[in-house]
Every structure is written in C-alpha cells, then in structure tokens.
Amino acid sequence: MTIIDRNVRVGRGEIDLVADDGGRRVVVEVKTVLAVGPAPPTAEDAFTADKERTVRRLASRLHAPAPRVDLIAISLMESGVRLRWLKSVA
C-alpha cells in the first residue's frame, strides 16, 4: 500500500489518508483514543455510524473516488500502544 496524500480537504471535511492498494484507491480514517479506566473505550468504538457516513460521503467526492474505507485504530493504554489496521470497514 502506498500513501498518496494525507489530511485531504473535501469541502468542509477532511480525509486522513488516501492510499493506493495495488491500483485500488483507499480512504483511511485514523482514530486514536486514550484507553484507560475500568471500561476503557476502543478506537474502533470511536468510528461511529455517523463518522462512517461522513467518510463515505467524502470518499465519493474525491477526484478519483475511493470505493474502500479502512480504519487505523490506535489505543493508548497504560501498558503501551495497540494499533490495528482494519480493512473495508465502510
């Protein structure tokens, strides 16, 4: 996968990363959360249905629309950092 651009403004919105995965355009949303406490949140939980709709709408408005949306989920924990790359989340 090759990163093509980052922090891409689309109207009033912003796409974190635009990438190429073997000739296929991909939009990547990056979510980071501080995961501490008795019931710590996850970065995956931060990617809500509203955020998914927004990212899909922005991806469709790119000059070369991206049919796939991936999520990089970063959780900052007392024990360290957990990073997950989830493909085709939207």
PDB file of N, CA and C in Angstrom:
ATOM      1  N   MET A   1       0.849  -1.164   0.000  1.00  0.00           N
ATOM      2  CA  MET A   1       0.000   0.000   0.000  1.00  0.00           C
ATOM      3  C   MET A   1       0.899   1.232   0.000  1.00  0.00           C
ATOM      4  N   THR A   2       0.517   2.203  -0.827  1.00  0.00           N
ATOM      5  CA  THR A   2       1.270   3.450  -0.937  1.00  0.00           C
ATOM      6  C   THR A   2       0.379   4.613  -0.540  1.00  0.00           C
ATOM      7  N   ILE A   3       0.858   5.441   0.375  1.00  0.00           N
ATOM      8  CA  ILE A   3       0.120   6.629   0.775  1.00  0.00           C
ATOM      9  C   ILE A   3       0.269   7.669  -0.336  1.00  0.00           C
ATOM     10  N   ILE A   4      -0.865   8.151  -0.848  1.00  0.00           N
ATOM     11  CA  ILE A   4      -0.881   9.145  -1.917  1.00  0.00           C
ATOM     12  C   ILE A   4      -0.939  10.559  -1.346  1.00  0.00           C
ATOM     13  N   ASP A   5      -1.771  10.730  -0.304  1.00  0.00           N
ATOM     14  CA  ASP A   5      -1.954  12.061   0.267  1.00  0.00           C
ATOM     15  C   ASP A   5      -2.456  11.925   1.694  1.00  0.00           C
ATOM     16  N   ARG A   6      -2.330  12.986   2.468  1.00  0.00           N
ATOM     17  CA  ARG A   6      -2.818  12.979   3.848  1.00  0.00           C
ATOM     18  C   ARG A   6      -3.482  14.308   4.161  1.00  0.00           C
ATOM     19  N   ASN A   7      -4.406  14.279   5.119  1.00  0.00           N
ATOM     20  CA  ASN A   7      -5.151  15.480   5.520  1.00  0.00           C
ATOM     21  C   ASN A   7      -5.761  16.197   4.314  1.00  0.00           C
ATOM     22  N   VAL A   8      -6.511  15.447   3.523  1.00  0.00           N
ATOM     23  CA  VAL A   8      -7.111  15.957   2.284  1.00  0.00           C
ATOM     24  C   VAL A   8      -8.419  16.671   2.602  1.00  0.00           C
ATOM     25  N   ARG A   9      -8.499  17.946   2.270  1.00  0.00           N
ATOM     26  CA  ARG A   9      -9.717  18.726   2.477  1.00  0.00           C
ATOM     27  C   ARG A   9     -10.700  18.426   1.350  1.00  0.00           C
ATOM     28  N   VAL A  10     -11.925  18.100   1.735  1.00  0.00           N
ATOM     29  CA  VAL A  10     -13.011  17.859   0.784  1.00  0.00           C
ATOM     30  C   VAL A  10     -14.186  18.683   1.287  1.00  0.00           C
ATOM     31  N   GLY A  11     -14.410  19.831   0.667  1.00  0.00           N
ATOM     32  CA  GLY A  11     -15.436  20.732   1.175  1.00  0.00           C
ATOM     33  C   GLY A  11     -15.072  21.152   2.587  1.00  0.00           C
ATOM     34  N   ARG A  12     -16.011  20.926   3.520  1.00  0.00           N
ATOM     35  CA  ARG A  12     -15.759  21.258   4.920  1.00  0.00           C
ATOM     36  C   ARG A  12     -15.147  20.095   5.698  1.00  0.00           C
ATOM     37  N   GLY A  13     -15.012  18.934   5.052  1.00  0.00           N
ATOM     38  CA  GLY A  13     -14.488  17.752   5.725  1.00  0.00           C
ATOM     39  C   GLY A  13     -13.033  17.496   5.409  1.00  0.00           C
ATOM     40  N   GLU A  14     -12.515  16.466   6.058  1.00  0.00           N
ATOM     41  CA  GLU A  14     -11.118  16.097   5.838  1.00  0.00           C
ATOM     42  C   GLU A  14     -10.978  14.578   5.870  1.00  0.00           C
ATOM     43  N   ILE A  15     -10.192  14.079   4.934  1.00  0.00           N
ATOM     44  CA  ILE A  15      -9.860  12.651   4.881  1.00  0.00           C
ATOM     45  C   ILE A  15      -8.443  12.514   5.411  1.00  0.00           C
ATOM     46  N   ASP A  16      -8.245  11.602   6.369  1.00  0.00           N
ATOM     47  CA  ASP A  16      -6.934  11.462   6.995  1.00  0.00           C
ATOM     48  C   ASP A  16      -5.867  11.013   6.001  1.00  0.00           C
ATOM     49  N   LEU A  17      -6.127   9.907   5.305  1.00  0.00           N
ATOM     50  CA  LEU A  17      -5.158   9.377   4.338  1.00  0.00           C
ATOM     51  C   LEU A  17      -5.879   8.893   3.083  1.00  0.00           C
ATOM     52  N   VAL A  18      -5.238   9.097   1.944  1.00  0.00           N
ATOM     53  CA  VAL A  18      -5.684   8.491   0.686  1.00  0.00           C
ATOM     54  C   VAL A  18      -4.516   7.617   0.239  1.00  0.00           C
ATOM     55  N   ALA A  19      -4.813   6.363  -0.061  1.00  0.00           N
ATOM     56  CA  ALA A  19      -3.765   5.412  -0.408  1.00  0.00           C
ATOM     57  C   ALA A  19      -4.119   4.657  -1.682  1.00  0.00           C
ATOM     58  N   ASP A  20      -3.114   3.971  -2.225  1.00  0.00           N
ATOM     59  CA  ASP A  20      -3.291   3.088  -3.378  1.00  0.00           C
ATOM     60  C   ASP A  20      -2.896   1.683  -2.923  1.00  0.00           C
ATOM     61  N   ASP A  21      -3.803   0.754  -3.100  1.00  0.00           N
ATOM     62  CA  ASP A  21      -3.549  -0.639  -2.735  1.00  0.00           C
ATOM     63  C   ASP A  21      -3.631  -1.485  -3.991  1.00  0.00           C
ATOM     64  N   GLY A  22      -2.524  -1.618  -4.680  1.00  0.00           N
ATOM     65  CA  GLY A  22      -2.486  -2.417  -5.899  1.00  0.00           C
ATOM     66  C   GLY A  22      -3.374  -1.877  -6.999  1.00  0.00           C
ATOM     67  N   GLY A  23      -3.436  -0.550  -7.137  1.00  0.00           N
ATOM     68  CA  GLY A  23      -4.253   0.063  -8.176  1.00  0.00           C
ATOM     69  C   GLY A  23      -5.664   0.411  -7.719  1.00  0.00           C
ATOM     70  N   ARG A  24      -5.981   0.109  -6.487  1.00  0.00           N
ATOM     71  CA  ARG A  24      -7.303   0.412  -5.944  1.00  0.00           C
ATOM     72  C   ARG A  24      -7.184   1.559  -4.939  1.00  0.00           C
ATOM     73  N   ARG A  25      -7.999   2.582  -5.115  1.00  0.00           N
ATOM     74  CA  ARG A  25      -7.989   3.756  -4.238  1.00  0.00           C
ATOM     75  C   ARG A  25      -8.641   3.407  -2.907  1.00  0.00           C
ATOM     76  N   VAL A  26      -7.998   3.839  -1.810  1.00  0.00           N
ATOM     77  CA  VAL A  26      -8.479   3.543  -0.464  1.00  0.00           C
ATOM     78  C   VAL A  26      -8.429   4.817   0.367  1.00  0.00           C
ATOM     79  N   VAL A  27      -9.497   5.082   1.110  1.00  0.00           N
ATOM     80  CA  VAL A  27      -9.507   6.162   2.093  1.00  0.00           C
ATOM     81  C   VAL A  27      -9.273   5.515   3.450  1.00  0.00           C
ATOM     82  N   VAL A  28      -8.388   6.121   4.243  1.00  0.00           N
ATOM     83  CA  VAL A  28      -8.066   5.562   5.553  1.00  0.00           C
ATOM     84  C   VAL A  28      -8.401   6.596   6.633  1.00  0.00           C
ATOM     85  N   GLU A  29      -9.259   6.202   7.547  1.00  0.00           N
ATOM     86  CA  GLU A  29      -9.597   7.027   8.711  1.00  0.00           C
ATOM     87  C   GLU A  29      -8.703   6.583   9.865  1.00  0.00           C
ATOM     88  N   VAL A  30      -8.137   7.531  10.586  1.00  0.00           N
ATOM     89  CA  VAL A  30      -7.273   7.224  11.725  1.00  0.00           C
ATOM     90  C   VAL A  30      -7.978   7.701  12.989  1.00  0.00           C
ATOM     91  N   LYS A  31      -8.188   6.785  13.918  1.00  0.00           N
ATOM     92  CA  LYS A  31      -8.828   7.110  15.192  1.00  0.00           C
ATOM     93  C   LYS A  31      -7.884   6.729  16.322  1.00  0.00           C
ATOM     94  N   THR A  32      -7.689   7.665  17.259  1.00  0.00           N
ATOM     95  CA  THR A  32      -6.834   7.426  18.417  1.00  0.00           C
ATOM     96  C   THR A  32      -7.639   7.728  19.679  1.00  0.00           C
ATOM     97  N   VAL A  33      -7.553   6.828  20.664  1.00  0.00           N
ATOM     98  CA  VAL A  33      -8.224   7.061  21.947  1.00  0.00           C
ATOM     99  C   VAL A  33      -7.267   6.752  23.091  1.00  0.00           C
ATOM    100  N   LEU A  34      -7.494   7.431  24.201  1.00  0.00           N
ATOM    101  CA  LEU A  34      -6.791   7.138  25.440  1.00  0.00           C
ATOM    102  C   LEU A  34      -7.612   6.080  26.155  1.00  0.00           C
ATOM    103  N   ALA A  35      -7.104   4.863  26.202  1.00  0.00           N
ATOM    104  CA  ALA A  35      -7.856   3.717  26.717  1.00  0.00           C
ATOM    105  C   ALA A  35      -7.414   3.406  28.141  1.00  0.00           C
ATOM    106  N   VAL A  36      -7.977   4.152  29.079  1.00  0.00           N
ATOM    107  CA  VAL A  36      -7.677   3.919  30.492  1.00  0.00           C
ATOM    108  C   VAL A  36      -8.977   3.872  31.265  1.00  0.00           C
ATOM    109  N   GLY A  37      -8.913   3.327  32.467  1.00  0.00           N
ATOM    110  CA  GLY A  37     -10.096   3.256  33.311  1.00  0.00           C
ATOM    111  C   GLY A  37     -10.677   1.862  33.353  1.00  0.00           C
ATOM    112  N   PRO A  38     -11.739   1.690  34.136  1.00  0.00           N
ATOM    113  CA  PRO A  38     -12.326   0.356  34.306  1.00  0.00           C
ATOM    114  C   PRO A  38     -12.980  -0.198  33.043  1.00  0.00           C
ATOM    115  N   ALA A  39     -13.545   0.642  32.208  1.00  0.00           N
ATOM    116  CA  ALA A  39     -14.155   0.206  30.937  1.00  0.00           C
ATOM    117  C   ALA A  39     -13.609   1.108  29.836  1.00  0.00           C
ATOM    118  N   PRO A  40     -12.348   0.890  29.462  1.00  0.00           N
ATOM    119  CA  PRO A  40     -11.714   1.809  28.511  1.00  0.00           C
ATOM    120  C   PRO A  40     -12.357   1.758  27.128  1.00  0.00           C
ATOM    121  N   PRO A  41     -12.483   2.919  26.493  1.00  0.00           N
ATOM    122  CA  PRO A  41     -13.025   2.937  25.130  1.00  0.00           C
ATOM    123  C   PRO A  41     -12.002   2.359  24.157  1.00  0.00           C
ATOM    124  N   THR A  42     -12.480   1.953  23.002  1.00  0.00           N
ATOM    125  CA  THR A  42     -11.569   1.494  21.957  1.00  0.00           C
ATOM    126  C   THR A  42     -11.639   2.478  20.793  1.00  0.00           C
ATOM    127  N   ALA A  43     -10.591   2.520  20.018  1.00  0.00           N
ATOM    128  CA  ALA A  43     -10.586   3.388  18.841  1.00  0.00           C
ATOM    129  C   ALA A  43     -11.642   2.931  17.842  1.00  0.00           C
ATOM    130  N   GLU A  44     -11.908   1.641  17.804  1.00  0.00           N
ATOM    131  CA  GLU A  44     -12.942   1.124  16.909  1.00  0.00           C
ATOM    132  C   GLU A  44     -14.312   1.685  17.279  1.00  0.00           C
ATOM    133  N   ASP A  45     -14.567   1.815  18.582  1.00  0.00           N
ATOM    134  CA  ASP A  45     -15.838   2.383  19.039  1.00  0.00           C
ATOM    135  C   ASP A  45     -15.985   3.844  18.621  1.00  0.00           C
ATOM    136  N   ALA A  46     -14.870   4.545  18.466  1.00  0.00           N
ATOM    137  CA  ALA A  46     -14.901   5.957  18.082  1.00  0.00           C
ATOM    138  C   ALA A  46     -15.305   6.139  16.618  1.00  0.00           C
ATOM    139  N   PHE A  47     -15.240   5.072  15.839  1.00  0.00           N
ATOM    140  CA  PHE A  47     -15.661   5.125  14.432  1.00  0.00           C
ATOM    141  C   PHE A  47     -17.150   4.806  14.386  1.00  0.00           C
ATOM    142  N   THR A  48     -17.948   5.805  14.688  1.00  0.00           N
ATOM    143  CA  THR A  48     -19.401   5.653  14.802  1.00  0.00           C
ATOM    144  C   THR A  48     -20.067   5.553  13.434  1.00  0.00           C
ATOM    145  N   ALA A  49     -21.338   5.227  13.438  1.00  0.00           N
ATOM    146  CA  ALA A  49     -22.107   5.159  12.187  1.00  0.00           C
ATOM    147  C   ALA A  49     -22.142   6.527  11.513  1.00  0.00           C
ATOM    148  N   ASP A  50     -22.259   7.597  12.299  1.00  0.00           N
ATOM    149  CA  ASP A  50     -22.233   8.950  11.721  1.00  0.00           C
ATOM    150  C   ASP A  50     -20.902   9.236  11.053  1.00  0.00           C
ATOM    151  N   LYS A  51     -19.804   8.852  11.709  1.00  0.00           N
ATOM    152  CA  LYS A  51     -18.477   9.086  11.139  1.00  0.00           C
ATOM    153  C   LYS A  51     -18.311   8.256   9.868  1.00  0.00           C
ATOM    154  N   GLU A  52     -18.814   7.034   9.874  1.00  0.00           N
ATOM    155  CA  GLU A  52     -18.742   6.179   8.692  1.00  0.00           C
ATOM    156  C   GLU A  52     -19.453   6.828   7.507  1.00  0.00           C
ATOM    157  N   ARG A  53     -20.656   7.355   7.735  1.00  0.00           N
ATOM    158  CA  ARG A  53     -21.397   8.033   6.658  1.00  0.00           C
ATOM    159  C   ARG A  53     -20.623   9.244   6.137  1.00  0.00           C
ATOM    160  N   THR A  54     -20.054  10.001   7.047  1.00  0.00           N
ATOM    161  CA  THR A  54     -19.285  11.186   6.645  1.00  0.00           C
ATOM    162  C   THR A  54     -18.083  10.795   5.801  1.00  0.00           C
ATOM    163  N   VAL A  55     -17.334   9.795   6.240  1.00  0.00           N
ATOM    164  CA  VAL A  55     -16.135   9.371   5.493  1.00  0.00           C
ATOM    165  C   VAL A  55     -16.528   8.829   4.124  1.00  0.00           C
ATOM    166  N   ARG A  56     -17.599   8.039   4.041  1.00  0.00           N
ATOM    167  CA  ARG A  56     -18.072   7.518   2.744  1.00  0.00           C
ATOM    168  C   ARG A  56     -18.454   8.660   1.801  1.00  0.00           C
ATOM    169  N   ARG A  57     -19.164   9.655   2.338  1.00  0.00           N
ATOM    170  CA  ARG A  57     -19.576  10.800   1.527  1.00  0.00           C
ATOM    171  C   ARG A  57     -18.345  11.556   1.010  1.00  0.00           C
ATOM    172  N   LEU A  58     -17.376  11.795   1.881  1.00  0.00           N
ATOM    173  CA  LEU A  58     -16.159  12.495   1.460  1.00  0.00           C
ATOM    174  C   LEU A  58     -15.381  11.676   0.429  1.00  0.00           C
ATOM    175  N   ALA A  59     -15.304  10.369   0.648  1.00  0.00           N
ATOM    176  CA  ALA A  59     -14.577   9.496  -0.289  1.00  0.00           C
ATOM    177  C   ALA A  59     -15.212   9.535  -1.672  1.00  0.00           C
ATOM    178  N   SER A  60     -16.534   9.640  -1.727  1.00  0.00           N
ATOM    179  CA  SER A  60     -17.217   9.669  -3.022  1.00  0.00           C
ATOM    180  C   SER A  60     -17.017  10.993  -3.749  1.00  0.00           C
ATOM    181  N   ARG A  61     -16.610  12.026  -3.028  1.00  0.00           N
ATOM    182  CA  ARG A  61     -16.433  13.347  -3.630  1.00  0.00           C
ATOM    183  C   ARG A  61     -14.999  13.618  -4.080  1.00  0.00           C
ATOM    184  N   LEU A  62     -14.093  12.662  -3.880  1.00  0.00           N
ATOM    185  CA  LEU A  62     -12.720  12.831  -4.348  1.00  0.00           C
ATOM    186  C   LEU A  62     -12.686  12.857  -5.869  1.00  0.00           C
ATOM    187  N   HIS A  63     -11.638  13.459  -6.415  1.00  0.00           N
ATOM    188  CA  HIS A  63     -11.469  13.497  -7.871  1.00  0.00           C
ATOM    189  C   HIS A  63     -11.500  12.081  -8.444  1.00  0.00           C
ATOM    190  N   ALA A  64     -10.791  11.171  -7.786  1.00  0.00           N
ATOM    191  CA  ALA A  64     -10.854   9.748  -8.127  1.00  0.00           C
ATOM    192  C   ALA A  64     -11.480   9.064  -6.916  1.00  0.00           C
ATOM    193  N   PRO A  65     -12.800   8.823  -6.929  1.00  0.00           N
ATOM    194  CA  PRO A  65     -13.485   8.282  -5.756  1.00  0.00           C
ATOM    195  C   PRO A  65     -12.857   6.990  -5.239  1.00  0.00           C
ATOM    196  N   ALA A  66     -12.892   6.842  -3.921  1.00  0.00           N
ATOM    197  CA  ALA A  66     -12.335   5.651  -3.277  1.00  0.00           C
ATOM    198  C   ALA A  66     -13.467   4.740  -2.834  1.00  0.00           C
ATOM    199  N   PRO A  67     -13.531   3.525  -3.393  1.00  0.00           N
ATOM    200  CA  PRO A  67     -14.619   2.616  -3.032  1.00  0.00           C
ATOM    201  C   PRO A  67     -14.411   1.909  -1.692  1.00  0.00           C
ATOM    202  N   ARG A  68     -13.193   1.952  -1.160  1.00  0.00           N
ATOM    203  CA  ARG A  68     -12.900   1.226   0.081  1.00  0.00           C
ATOM    204  C   ARG A  68     -12.486   2.199   1.177  1.00  0.00           C
ATOM    205  N   VAL A  69     -12.978   1.937   2.392  1.00  0.00           N
ATOM    206  CA  VAL A  69     -12.595   2.728   3.558  1.00  0.00           C
ATOM    207  C   VAL A  69     -11.980   1.779   4.591  1.00  0.00           C
ATOM    208  N   ASP A  70     -10.750   2.092   5.001  1.00  0.00           N
ATOM    209  CA  ASP A  70     -10.067   1.334   6.040  1.00  0.00           C
ATOM    210  C   ASP A  70     -10.008   2.187   7.301  1.00  0.00           C
ATOM    211  N   LEU A  71      -9.731   1.535   8.425  1.00  0.00           N
ATOM    212  CA  LEU A  71      -9.609   2.227   9.698  1.00  0.00           C
ATOM    213  C   LEU A  71      -8.300   1.826  10.363  1.00  0.00           C
ATOM    214  N   ILE A  72      -7.519   2.816  10.763  1.00  0.00           N
ATOM    215  CA  ILE A  72      -6.370   2.567  11.626  1.00  0.00           C
ATOM    216  C   ILE A  72      -6.825   2.954  13.022  1.00  0.00           C
ATOM    217  N   ALA A  73      -6.902   1.975  13.909  1.00  0.00           N
ATOM    218  CA  ALA A  73      -7.389   2.178  15.271  1.00  0.00           C
ATOM    219  C   ALA A  73      -6.207   2.136  16.227  1.00  0.00           C
ATOM    220  N   ILE A  74      -5.962   3.253  16.914  1.00  0.00           N
ATOM    221  CA  ILE A  74      -4.834   3.357  17.836  1.00  0.00           C
ATOM    222  C   ILE A  74      -5.393   3.560  19.243  1.00  0.00           C
ATOM    223  N   SER A  75      -5.047   2.652  20.136  1.00  0.00           N
ATOM    224  CA  SER A  75      -5.462   2.760  21.533  1.00  0.00           C
ATOM    225  C   SER A  75      -4.212   2.969  22.383  1.00  0.00           C
ATOM    226  N   LEU A  76      -4.195   4.093  23.113  1.00  0.00           N
ATOM    227  CA  LEU A  76      -3.087   4.410  24.008  1.00  0.00           C
ATOM    228  C   LEU A  76      -3.459   3.905  25.396  1.00  0.00           C
ATOM    229  N   MET A  77      -2.716   2.898  25.865  1.00  0.00           N
ATOM    230  CA  MET A  77      -3.034   2.257  27.142  1.00  0.00           C
ATOM    231  C   MET A  77      -1.866   2.416  28.103  1.00  0.00           C
ATOM    232  N   GLU A  78      -2.113   2.180  29.374  1.00  0.00           N
ATOM    233  CA  GLU A  78      -1.037   2.232  30.358  1.00  0.00           C
ATOM    234  C   GLU A  78       0.065   1.229  30.013  1.00  0.00           C
ATOM    235  N   SER A  79      -0.318   0.105  29.446  1.00  0.00           N
ATOM    236  CA  SER A  79       0.644  -0.956  29.123  1.00  0.00           C
ATOM    237  C   SER A  79       1.337  -0.745  27.779  1.00  0.00           C
ATOM    238  N   GLY A  80       0.935   0.264  27.025  1.00  0.00           N
ATOM    239  CA  GLY A  80       1.556   0.516  25.732  1.00  0.00           C
ATOM    240  C   GLY A  80       0.538   0.968  24.700  1.00  0.00           C
ATOM    241  N   VAL A  81       0.877   0.760  23.451  1.00  0.00           N
ATOM    242  CA  VAL A  81       0.040   1.192  22.337  1.00  0.00           C
ATOM    243  C   VAL A  81      -0.455  -0.033  21.578  1.00  0.00           C
ATOM    244  N   ARG A  82      -1.752  -0.028  21.262  1.00  0.00           N
ATOM    245  CA  ARG A  82      -2.318  -1.098  20.409  1.00  0.00           C
ATOM    246  C   ARG A  82      -2.743  -0.444  19.102  1.00  0.00           C
ATOM    247  N   LEU A  83      -2.219  -0.943  18.009  1.00  0.00           N
ATOM    248  CA  LEU A  83      -2.546  -0.415  16.685  1.00  0.00           C
ATOM    249  C   LEU A  83      -3.137  -1.534  15.846  1.00  0.00           C
ATOM    250  N   ARG A  84      -4.302  -1.269  15.265  1.00  0.00           N
ATOM    251  CA  ARG A  84      -4.941  -2.246  14.380  1.00  0.00           C
ATOM    252  C   ARG A  84      -5.307  -1.562  13.078  1.00  0.00           C
ATOM    253  N   TRP A  85      -5.067  -2.242  11.954  1.00  0.00           N
ATOM    254  CA  TRP A  85      -5.473  -1.757  10.643  1.00  0.00           C
ATOM    255  C   TRP A  85      -6.621  -2.655  10.192  1.00  0.00           C
ATOM    256  N   LEU A  86      -7.802  -2.067  10.125  1.00  0.00           N
ATOM    257  CA  LEU A  86      -8.995  -2.819   9.741  1.00  0.00           C
ATOM    258  C   LEU A  86      -9.384  -2.432   8.323  1.00  0.00           C
ATOM    259  N   LYS A  87      -9.406  -3.406   7.440  1.00  0.00           N
ATOM    260  CA  LYS A  87      -9.723  -3.150   6.033  1.00  0.00           C
ATOM    261  C   LYS A  87     -11.215  -3.234   5.770  1.00  0.00           C
ATOM    262  N   SER A  88     -11.655  -2.413   4.839  1.00  0.00           N
ATOM    263  CA  SER A  88     -13.050  -2.423   4.349  1.00  0.00           C
ATOM    264  C   SER A  88     -14.065  -2.315   5.481  1.00  0.00           C
ATOM    265  N   VAL A  89     -13.910  -1.287   6.310  1.00  0.00           N
ATOM    266  CA  VAL A  89     -14.858  -1.090   7.412  1.00  0.00           C
ATOM    267  C   VAL A  89     -16.109  -0.356   6.949  1.00  0.00           C
ATOM    268  N   ALA A  90     -16.038   0.288   5.808  1.00  0.00           N
ATOM    269  CA  ALA A  90     -17.198   1.021   5.299  1.00  0.00           C
ATOM    270  C   ALA A  90     -17.223   0.952   3.789  1.00  0.00           C
TER     271      ALA A  90
END
